[in-house]
N, C-alpha and C. Protein backbone atom coordinates (compact mmCIF):
# COMPACT_ATOMS: atom_id res chain seq x y z
N MET A 1 18.18 37.79 -61.55
CA MET A 1 17.82 38.43 -60.30
C MET A 1 16.64 37.83 -59.57
N GLN A 2 15.65 37.58 -60.31
CA GLN A 2 14.35 36.98 -59.87
C GLN A 2 14.67 35.51 -59.35
N LYS A 3 15.56 34.78 -60.08
CA LYS A 3 15.68 33.33 -59.62
C LYS A 3 16.54 33.36 -58.28
N HIS A 4 17.43 34.31 -58.16
CA HIS A 4 18.22 34.45 -56.95
C HIS A 4 17.44 34.75 -55.68
N LYS A 5 16.41 35.72 -55.91
CA LYS A 5 15.54 35.97 -54.87
C LYS A 5 14.59 34.93 -54.43
N GLN A 6 14.15 34.18 -55.50
CA GLN A 6 13.31 33.03 -55.20
C GLN A 6 13.95 31.95 -54.28
N THR A 7 15.23 31.66 -54.82
CA THR A 7 16.04 30.72 -54.00
C THR A 7 16.31 31.07 -52.47
N LYS A 8 16.50 32.29 -52.37
CA LYS A 8 16.85 32.94 -51.10
C LYS A 8 15.60 32.77 -50.22
N VAL A 9 14.28 32.97 -50.74
CA VAL A 9 13.14 32.67 -49.88
C VAL A 9 12.94 31.28 -49.65
N LEU A 10 13.30 30.46 -50.57
CA LEU A 10 13.20 29.14 -50.42
C LEU A 10 14.12 28.43 -49.23
N TYR A 11 15.27 29.15 -49.26
CA TYR A 11 16.31 28.61 -48.25
C TYR A 11 15.91 29.09 -46.89
N LYS A 12 15.21 30.42 -46.81
CA LYS A 12 14.62 30.90 -45.67
C LYS A 12 13.54 30.03 -45.03
N ASP A 13 12.61 29.57 -45.78
CA ASP A 13 11.61 28.63 -45.35
C ASP A 13 12.20 27.35 -44.95
N GLU A 14 13.13 26.95 -45.64
CA GLU A 14 13.71 25.68 -45.28
C GLU A 14 14.49 25.81 -43.90
N SER A 15 15.13 26.86 -43.77
CA SER A 15 15.88 27.13 -42.60
C SER A 15 14.92 27.25 -41.35
N ARG A 16 13.92 28.13 -41.56
CA ARG A 16 12.75 28.11 -40.50
C ARG A 16 12.23 26.84 -40.26
N MET A 17 11.87 25.98 -41.06
CA MET A 17 11.33 24.61 -40.85
C MET A 17 12.38 23.78 -40.12
N PHE A 18 13.62 23.81 -40.47
CA PHE A 18 14.76 23.15 -39.72
C PHE A 18 14.78 23.64 -38.30
N TYR A 19 14.90 24.85 -38.06
CA TYR A 19 14.97 25.34 -36.69
C TYR A 19 13.73 25.03 -35.87
N THR A 20 12.63 24.97 -36.43
CA THR A 20 11.35 24.72 -35.90
C THR A 20 11.34 23.05 -35.50
N ALA A 21 11.90 22.27 -36.39
CA ALA A 21 11.88 20.87 -36.13
C ALA A 21 12.97 20.62 -34.95
N ILE A 22 14.09 21.38 -35.08
CA ILE A 22 15.01 21.23 -33.96
C ILE A 22 14.44 21.59 -32.68
N SER A 23 13.70 22.66 -32.63
CA SER A 23 13.13 23.14 -31.35
C SER A 23 12.07 22.24 -30.89
N LEU A 24 11.39 21.62 -31.75
CA LEU A 24 10.25 20.61 -31.35
C LEU A 24 10.95 19.31 -30.87
N PHE A 25 11.99 18.97 -31.47
CA PHE A 25 12.79 17.78 -31.04
C PHE A 25 13.28 18.10 -29.57
N VAL A 26 14.00 19.19 -29.34
CA VAL A 26 14.55 19.47 -27.94
C VAL A 26 13.46 19.59 -27.14
N ALA A 27 12.20 20.14 -27.39
CA ALA A 27 11.16 20.26 -26.36
C ALA A 27 10.61 18.74 -26.13
N THR A 28 10.45 18.02 -27.08
CA THR A 28 10.11 16.61 -26.81
C THR A 28 10.99 15.80 -26.04
N PHE A 29 12.28 16.02 -26.35
CA PHE A 29 13.23 15.34 -25.50
C PHE A 29 13.21 15.81 -23.95
N ALA A 30 13.08 17.24 -23.76
CA ALA A 30 13.00 17.49 -22.42
C ALA A 30 11.88 17.18 -21.75
N LEU A 31 10.70 17.01 -22.51
CA LEU A 31 9.66 16.47 -21.82
C LEU A 31 9.68 15.02 -21.52
N TYR A 32 10.34 14.26 -22.34
CA TYR A 32 10.51 12.86 -22.15
C TYR A 32 11.44 12.58 -21.06
N MET A 33 12.49 13.42 -20.84
CA MET A 33 13.43 13.29 -19.63
C MET A 33 12.69 13.68 -18.38
N TYR A 34 11.80 14.63 -18.41
CA TYR A 34 11.00 15.09 -17.22
C TYR A 34 10.16 13.93 -16.87
N PHE A 35 9.29 13.42 -17.63
CA PHE A 35 8.37 12.47 -17.29
C PHE A 35 9.12 11.17 -16.89
N LEU A 36 10.16 10.78 -17.51
CA LEU A 36 11.04 9.57 -17.17
C LEU A 36 11.55 9.81 -15.66
N SER A 37 12.18 10.99 -15.39
CA SER A 37 12.69 11.03 -14.09
C SER A 37 11.46 11.18 -13.05
N ASP A 38 10.36 11.82 -13.44
CA ASP A 38 9.09 11.82 -12.47
C ASP A 38 8.66 10.38 -12.21
N SER A 39 8.57 9.44 -13.21
CA SER A 39 8.11 8.11 -13.04
C SER A 39 9.08 7.46 -12.19
N ILE A 40 10.35 7.59 -12.24
CA ILE A 40 11.34 7.07 -11.42
C ILE A 40 11.23 7.37 -10.03
N VAL A 41 11.02 8.70 -9.75
CA VAL A 41 10.77 9.27 -8.49
C VAL A 41 9.53 8.51 -7.79
N HIS A 42 8.50 8.38 -8.62
CA HIS A 42 7.36 7.83 -8.05
C HIS A 42 7.40 6.29 -7.86
N VAL A 43 8.17 5.64 -8.47
CA VAL A 43 8.50 4.20 -8.18
C VAL A 43 9.20 4.09 -6.91
N VAL A 44 10.32 5.05 -6.79
CA VAL A 44 10.99 4.93 -5.63
C VAL A 44 10.07 5.32 -4.29
N MET A 45 9.22 6.29 -4.45
CA MET A 45 8.26 6.68 -3.49
C MET A 45 7.33 5.52 -3.05
N ARG A 46 6.92 4.84 -4.10
CA ARG A 46 5.98 3.67 -3.92
C ARG A 46 6.58 2.48 -3.14
N LYS A 47 7.93 2.27 -3.43
CA LYS A 47 8.65 1.31 -2.58
C LYS A 47 8.84 1.59 -1.18
N GLU A 48 9.14 2.76 -0.92
CA GLU A 48 9.05 3.44 0.47
C GLU A 48 7.80 3.33 1.20
N VAL A 49 6.83 3.66 0.48
CA VAL A 49 5.37 3.60 1.17
C VAL A 49 5.18 2.08 1.46
N ASP A 50 5.38 1.16 0.56
CA ASP A 50 5.03 -0.07 0.85
C ASP A 50 5.80 -0.70 1.82
N ALA A 51 7.12 -0.30 2.05
CA ALA A 51 7.94 -0.72 3.17
C ALA A 51 7.33 -0.12 4.66
N GLN A 52 6.87 1.05 4.49
CA GLN A 52 6.19 1.64 5.66
C GLN A 52 4.88 0.88 6.05
N ILE A 53 4.05 0.46 4.99
CA ILE A 53 2.88 -0.15 5.24
C ILE A 53 3.18 -1.46 6.03
N SER A 54 4.22 -2.10 5.58
CA SER A 54 4.47 -3.61 6.07
C SER A 54 4.94 -3.41 7.56
N VAL A 55 5.82 -2.29 7.89
CA VAL A 55 6.23 -1.84 9.24
C VAL A 55 4.89 -1.57 10.11
N LEU A 56 4.20 -0.73 9.52
CA LEU A 56 2.99 -0.48 10.36
C LEU A 56 2.08 -1.61 10.58
N GLY A 57 1.94 -2.34 9.61
CA GLY A 57 1.08 -3.52 9.79
C GLY A 57 1.70 -4.53 10.83
N THR A 58 2.93 -4.61 10.86
CA THR A 58 3.66 -5.36 11.93
C THR A 58 3.38 -4.85 13.33
N THR A 59 3.43 -3.48 13.33
CA THR A 59 3.18 -2.84 14.50
C THR A 59 1.70 -2.89 15.09
N VAL A 60 0.79 -2.83 14.03
CA VAL A 60 -0.44 -3.06 14.47
C VAL A 60 -0.91 -4.38 15.04
N SER A 61 -0.26 -5.32 14.32
CA SER A 61 -0.65 -6.85 14.78
C SER A 61 -0.03 -7.00 16.20
N ASP A 62 1.22 -6.46 16.45
CA ASP A 62 1.86 -6.61 17.73
C ASP A 62 0.84 -6.02 18.92
N LEU A 63 0.41 -4.83 18.55
CA LEU A 63 -0.50 -4.15 19.40
C LEU A 63 -1.82 -4.99 19.72
N GLU A 64 -2.35 -5.51 18.58
CA GLU A 64 -3.56 -6.26 18.82
C GLU A 64 -3.29 -7.51 19.48
N ALA A 65 -2.15 -8.21 19.43
CA ALA A 65 -1.88 -9.36 20.32
C ALA A 65 -1.61 -8.85 21.75
N GLU A 66 -1.05 -7.77 21.91
CA GLU A 66 -0.94 -7.23 23.26
C GLU A 66 -2.30 -6.76 23.96
N TYR A 67 -3.17 -6.32 23.07
CA TYR A 67 -4.44 -5.99 23.59
C TYR A 67 -5.24 -7.22 24.01
N ILE A 68 -5.13 -8.32 23.30
CA ILE A 68 -6.03 -9.43 23.51
C ILE A 68 -5.46 -10.16 24.84
N GLU A 69 -4.05 -10.12 25.00
CA GLU A 69 -3.43 -10.70 26.07
C GLU A 69 -3.82 -9.99 27.35
N MET A 70 -3.92 -8.56 27.38
CA MET A 70 -4.34 -7.67 28.40
C MET A 70 -5.81 -7.98 28.64
N GLN A 71 -6.57 -8.17 27.65
CA GLN A 71 -8.09 -8.40 27.74
C GLN A 71 -8.36 -9.63 28.51
N HIS A 72 -7.59 -10.74 28.32
CA HIS A 72 -7.73 -11.94 28.95
C HIS A 72 -7.21 -11.98 30.42
N ARG A 73 -6.32 -11.02 30.56
CA ARG A 73 -5.66 -10.88 32.04
C ARG A 73 -6.80 -10.09 32.69
N VAL A 74 -7.28 -9.14 32.21
CA VAL A 74 -8.40 -8.41 33.02
C VAL A 74 -9.62 -9.30 33.29
N SER A 75 -9.93 -10.21 32.31
CA SER A 75 -10.95 -11.09 32.52
C SER A 75 -10.78 -12.04 33.63
N ASN A 76 -9.59 -12.54 33.68
CA ASN A 76 -9.09 -13.55 34.65
C ASN A 76 -9.17 -12.78 36.13
N ASP A 77 -8.74 -11.60 36.11
CA ASP A 77 -8.66 -10.80 37.28
C ASP A 77 -10.06 -10.52 37.88
N ILE A 78 -11.01 -10.17 36.97
CA ILE A 78 -12.33 -9.89 37.45
C ILE A 78 -12.98 -11.02 37.91
N ALA A 79 -12.77 -12.29 37.10
CA ALA A 79 -13.48 -13.48 37.56
C ALA A 79 -12.95 -13.96 38.86
N SER A 80 -11.57 -13.84 39.21
CA SER A 80 -11.11 -14.09 40.55
C SER A 80 -11.56 -13.25 41.73
N LEU A 81 -11.91 -12.03 41.37
CA LEU A 81 -12.52 -11.09 42.25
C LEU A 81 -13.98 -11.60 42.75
N GLN A 82 -14.66 -12.18 41.68
CA GLN A 82 -16.08 -12.66 42.06
C GLN A 82 -16.10 -14.00 42.54
N GLY A 83 -14.83 -14.52 42.79
CA GLY A 83 -14.84 -15.78 43.56
C GLY A 83 -14.69 -17.08 42.73
N PHE A 84 -14.58 -17.00 41.29
CA PHE A 84 -14.28 -17.99 40.46
C PHE A 84 -12.86 -18.44 40.56
N VAL A 85 -12.57 -19.69 40.47
CA VAL A 85 -11.22 -20.27 40.49
C VAL A 85 -10.94 -21.11 39.27
N VAL A 86 -9.70 -21.37 38.89
CA VAL A 86 -9.46 -22.35 37.87
C VAL A 86 -9.70 -23.74 38.13
N ALA A 87 -10.47 -24.39 37.22
CA ALA A 87 -10.74 -25.93 37.59
C ALA A 87 -9.52 -26.77 37.42
N ASP A 88 -9.08 -27.34 38.54
CA ASP A 88 -7.83 -28.27 38.42
C ASP A 88 -8.30 -29.62 37.70
N SER A 89 -9.36 -30.12 38.12
CA SER A 89 -9.85 -31.54 37.54
C SER A 89 -10.95 -31.27 36.55
N LYS A 90 -10.89 -31.53 35.37
CA LYS A 90 -11.82 -31.41 34.46
C LYS A 90 -12.68 -32.60 34.17
N ILE A 91 -13.88 -32.47 33.97
CA ILE A 91 -14.87 -33.44 33.65
C ILE A 91 -15.49 -33.47 32.44
N PHE A 92 -15.36 -34.44 31.72
CA PHE A 92 -15.67 -34.62 30.32
C PHE A 92 -17.02 -35.52 30.16
N ILE A 93 -17.92 -35.18 29.44
CA ILE A 93 -19.03 -35.97 29.17
C ILE A 93 -18.81 -37.09 28.01
N ASP A 94 -18.89 -38.32 28.30
CA ASP A 94 -18.91 -39.47 27.42
C ASP A 94 -20.18 -39.57 26.58
N LYS A 95 -19.98 -39.37 25.22
CA LYS A 95 -21.02 -39.32 24.37
C LYS A 95 -21.45 -40.65 23.82
N THR A 96 -20.65 -41.64 24.23
CA THR A 96 -20.94 -42.94 23.57
C THR A 96 -22.19 -43.54 24.29
N GLU A 97 -22.52 -43.21 25.47
CA GLU A 97 -23.67 -43.56 26.11
C GLU A 97 -24.83 -42.59 25.88
N PRO A 98 -26.11 -43.02 25.67
CA PRO A 98 -27.16 -42.09 25.53
C PRO A 98 -27.39 -41.30 26.81
N THR A 99 -27.60 -39.96 26.61
CA THR A 99 -27.96 -39.17 27.69
C THR A 99 -29.21 -38.43 27.51
N PHE A 100 -29.93 -38.16 28.45
CA PHE A 100 -31.13 -37.54 28.42
C PHE A 100 -31.05 -36.18 29.15
N VAL A 101 -31.78 -35.13 28.51
CA VAL A 101 -31.77 -33.91 29.07
C VAL A 101 -33.17 -33.61 29.28
N LEU A 102 -33.45 -32.90 30.49
CA LEU A 102 -34.81 -32.55 30.83
C LEU A 102 -34.97 -31.07 30.64
N LEU A 103 -35.93 -30.72 29.67
CA LEU A 103 -36.02 -29.47 29.30
C LEU A 103 -37.24 -28.93 30.07
N GLN A 104 -36.97 -27.83 30.77
CA GLN A 104 -38.25 -27.12 31.56
C GLN A 104 -38.73 -25.92 30.62
N ASN A 105 -39.95 -25.95 30.84
CA ASN A 105 -40.68 -24.84 30.17
C ASN A 105 -40.90 -23.56 31.11
């Protein structure tokens, strides 16, 4: 009778350890699946953000080009209001001949 009771306790301990191991395995597997899906979601979100960054970068460069063009247009308009005109014939200095410059103090 004593031997039967002792083996029953032993089986109960083994059974408890088996179910604990199974529970830990299931919990570990569930956590693995959660973190795997979470990392996949973050990779997809990162690709979407990278695409948005490139689109916004293109938009900003287009706006900068338009700004520079408008700035030059405004400069030309202001210069023409003050009487400046575009030089049709351009004069270039020939540096092969020695030139002298008079400095005034």
